[in-house]
């Protein structure tokens, strides 16, 4: 298991971010929100060298904290760091279940200053909720359930 957040996983394309807000879907677990869109990222991610963990083809993740909720950049940066860290430690929940590329935007949406442990717990719950809503079960599981 590779607990990294490499540069090729960071969502920086203005076009992709724009598509997330216009065509993306959303899943929430207060105070976090995950906006996502399935599909390619516009540019091919193939590089001639080794691609590291190989998750760069599956995920692009961006984080955001509202200026409306936290006026000081120091506070916004702190919560962005926490969001990136919780994503980095729990991204295996997403990567193990994805069968196509996804773009994600991860938001912290409250003025409440939750602790790292609370945010980490909510991140895990949010990722599990995303998986439950969007990832299809293998046909063998569906067939075995319908025969009962």
Protein backbone atom coordinates (compact mmCIF):
# COMPACT_ATOMS: atom_id res chain seq x y z
CA UNK A 1 0.00 0.00 0.00
CA UNK A 2 1.40 3.34 -1.07
CA UNK A 3 0.51 6.26 1.22
CA UNK A 4 1.60 9.10 -1.04
CA UNK A 5 0.01 12.12 -2.68
CA UNK A 6 2.23 12.60 -5.74
CA UNK A 7 2.11 15.55 -8.09
CA UNK A 8 0.37 13.55 -10.82
CA UNK A 9 -2.64 13.00 -8.48
CA UNK A 10 -3.15 16.70 -7.79
CA UNK A 11 -6.07 18.29 -9.58
CA UNK A 12 -4.78 21.50 -11.16
CA UNK A 13 -6.50 21.70 -14.55
CA UNK A 14 -8.93 24.64 -14.70
CA UNK A 15 -10.89 22.81 -17.38
CA UNK A 16 -11.34 19.70 -15.24
CA UNK A 17 -12.24 21.79 -12.17
CA UNK A 18 -14.81 23.66 -14.25
CA UNK A 19 -16.30 20.38 -15.46
CA UNK A 20 -16.52 19.16 -11.87
CA UNK A 21 -18.66 22.14 -10.91
CA UNK A 22 -20.88 22.03 -14.00
CA UNK A 23 -21.29 18.28 -14.59
CA UNK A 24 -20.03 16.69 -11.38
CA UNK A 25 -22.02 14.86 -8.75
CA UNK A 26 -21.68 15.28 -5.03
CA UNK A 27 -21.69 13.22 -1.85
CA UNK A 28 -21.58 14.74 1.64
CA UNK A 29 -20.80 13.71 5.18
CA UNK A 30 -20.99 16.83 7.34
CA UNK A 31 -18.76 18.88 7.30
CA UNK A 32 -17.06 17.35 4.26
CA UNK A 33 -18.22 17.26 0.66
CA UNK A 34 -16.79 15.30 -2.24
CA UNK A 35 -17.60 16.48 -5.77
CA UNK A 36 -16.65 13.92 -8.40
CA UNK A 37 -16.82 13.17 -12.09
CA UNK A 38 -15.96 9.92 -13.81
CA UNK A 39 -13.99 9.85 -17.02
CA UNK A 40 -10.63 10.85 -18.43
CA UNK A 41 -8.70 13.94 -17.37
CA UNK A 42 -8.24 15.49 -20.79
CA UNK A 43 -4.52 14.77 -21.10
CA UNK A 44 -3.16 11.22 -21.24
CA UNK A 45 -1.29 10.36 -18.07
CA UNK A 46 1.12 7.94 -19.69
CA UNK A 47 4.74 8.71 -19.06
CA UNK A 48 7.65 6.82 -20.59
CA UNK A 49 9.28 6.24 -17.21
CA UNK A 50 7.86 4.39 -14.23
CA UNK A 51 4.59 5.87 -13.06
CA UNK A 52 5.19 5.13 -9.38
CA UNK A 53 2.15 3.73 -7.62
CA UNK A 54 -0.04 3.66 -10.73
CA UNK A 55 -2.89 5.54 -9.05
CA UNK A 56 -2.23 8.66 -11.11
CA UNK A 57 -4.35 7.17 -13.88
CA UNK A 58 -7.26 6.56 -11.53
CA UNK A 59 -7.55 9.68 -9.38
CA UNK A 60 -7.10 13.43 -9.52
CA UNK A 61 -7.84 15.09 -6.18
CA UNK A 62 -8.11 18.75 -5.23
CA UNK A 63 -8.90 20.27 -1.84
CA UNK A 64 -10.60 23.52 -0.92
CA UNK A 65 -11.57 25.47 2.18
CA UNK A 66 -13.91 28.44 1.89
CA UNK A 67 -12.67 31.96 2.49
CA UNK A 68 -16.18 32.68 3.74
CA UNK A 69 -15.67 30.29 6.69
CA UNK A 70 -12.01 31.03 7.44
CA UNK A 71 -10.88 34.59 6.73
CA UNK A 72 -7.22 34.01 7.56
CA UNK A 73 -5.10 32.13 5.04
CA UNK A 74 -3.28 30.43 7.92
CA UNK A 75 -6.52 28.76 8.99
CA UNK A 76 -7.50 27.78 5.44
CA UNK A 77 -4.06 26.31 4.81
CA UNK A 78 -4.22 24.30 8.04
CA UNK A 79 -7.51 22.66 7.06
CA UNK A 80 -6.29 22.06 3.49
CA UNK A 81 -3.24 20.29 4.94
CA UNK A 82 -5.49 18.17 7.15
CA UNK A 83 -7.74 17.27 4.19
CA UNK A 84 -4.74 16.28 2.05
CA UNK A 85 -3.35 14.18 4.89
CA UNK A 86 -6.63 12.35 5.54
CA UNK A 87 -6.98 11.72 1.81
CA UNK A 88 -3.39 10.44 1.60
CA UNK A 89 -3.92 7.96 4.43
CA UNK A 90 -7.34 6.76 3.27
CA UNK A 91 -7.13 6.90 -0.53
CA UNK A 92 -6.71 3.12 -0.65
CA UNK A 93 -10.46 2.93 0.11
CA UNK A 94 -11.12 4.68 -3.20
CA UNK A 95 -8.32 3.24 -5.34
CA UNK A 96 -9.17 -0.37 -4.51
CA UNK A 97 -12.75 0.06 -5.76
CA UNK A 98 -12.34 2.29 -8.82
CA UNK A 99 -12.53 0.77 -12.28
CA UNK A 100 -12.25 4.03 -14.24
CA UNK A 101 -10.56 7.40 -13.75
CA UNK A 102 -12.24 9.89 -11.42
CA UNK A 103 -11.67 13.57 -10.67
CA UNK A 104 -12.46 14.65 -7.12
CA UNK A 105 -12.72 17.95 -5.29
CA UNK A 106 -12.70 17.67 -1.50
CA UNK A 107 -14.30 20.50 0.55
CA UNK A 108 -14.35 21.47 4.21
CA UNK A 109 -17.66 23.31 4.67
CA UNK A 110 -18.11 24.64 8.17
CA UNK A 111 -16.80 27.27 10.51
CA UNK A 112 -16.43 24.61 13.21
CA UNK A 113 -12.83 23.71 13.93
CA UNK A 114 -12.91 19.95 14.13
CA UNK A 115 -9.92 18.00 15.37
CA UNK A 116 -7.77 15.91 13.03
CA UNK A 117 -9.27 12.69 14.43
CA UNK A 118 -12.83 13.88 13.76
CA UNK A 119 -11.96 14.93 10.21
CA UNK A 120 -10.20 11.62 9.57
CA UNK A 121 -13.24 9.67 10.78
CA UNK A 122 -15.57 11.76 8.61
CA UNK A 123 -13.26 11.27 5.60
CA UNK A 124 -13.44 7.48 5.98
CA UNK A 125 -17.24 7.66 6.26
CA UNK A 126 -17.41 9.94 3.21
CA UNK A 127 -15.26 7.63 1.09
CA UNK A 128 -17.34 4.61 2.15
CA UNK A 129 -20.53 6.50 1.26
CA UNK A 130 -19.09 7.36 -2.17
CA UNK A 131 -18.16 3.71 -2.77
CA UNK A 132 -21.62 2.50 -1.70
CA UNK A 133 -23.36 4.93 -4.06
CA UNK A 134 -21.13 4.68 -7.12
CA UNK A 135 -19.29 1.41 -7.31
CA UNK A 136 -21.19 -1.49 -8.80
CA UNK A 137 -21.01 -4.89 -7.18
CA UNK A 138 -19.51 -7.72 -9.24
CA UNK A 139 -22.13 -9.72 -11.15
CA UNK A 140 -21.40 -12.87 -9.13
CA UNK A 141 -22.49 -11.08 -5.93
CA UNK A 142 -25.63 -9.71 -7.59
CA UNK A 143 -26.60 -13.14 -8.99
CA UNK A 144 -26.08 -14.90 -5.67
CA UNK A 145 -28.25 -12.34 -3.87
CA UNK A 146 -31.09 -12.55 -6.38
CA UNK A 147 -31.33 -16.38 -6.12
CA UNK A 148 -32.14 -16.27 -2.42
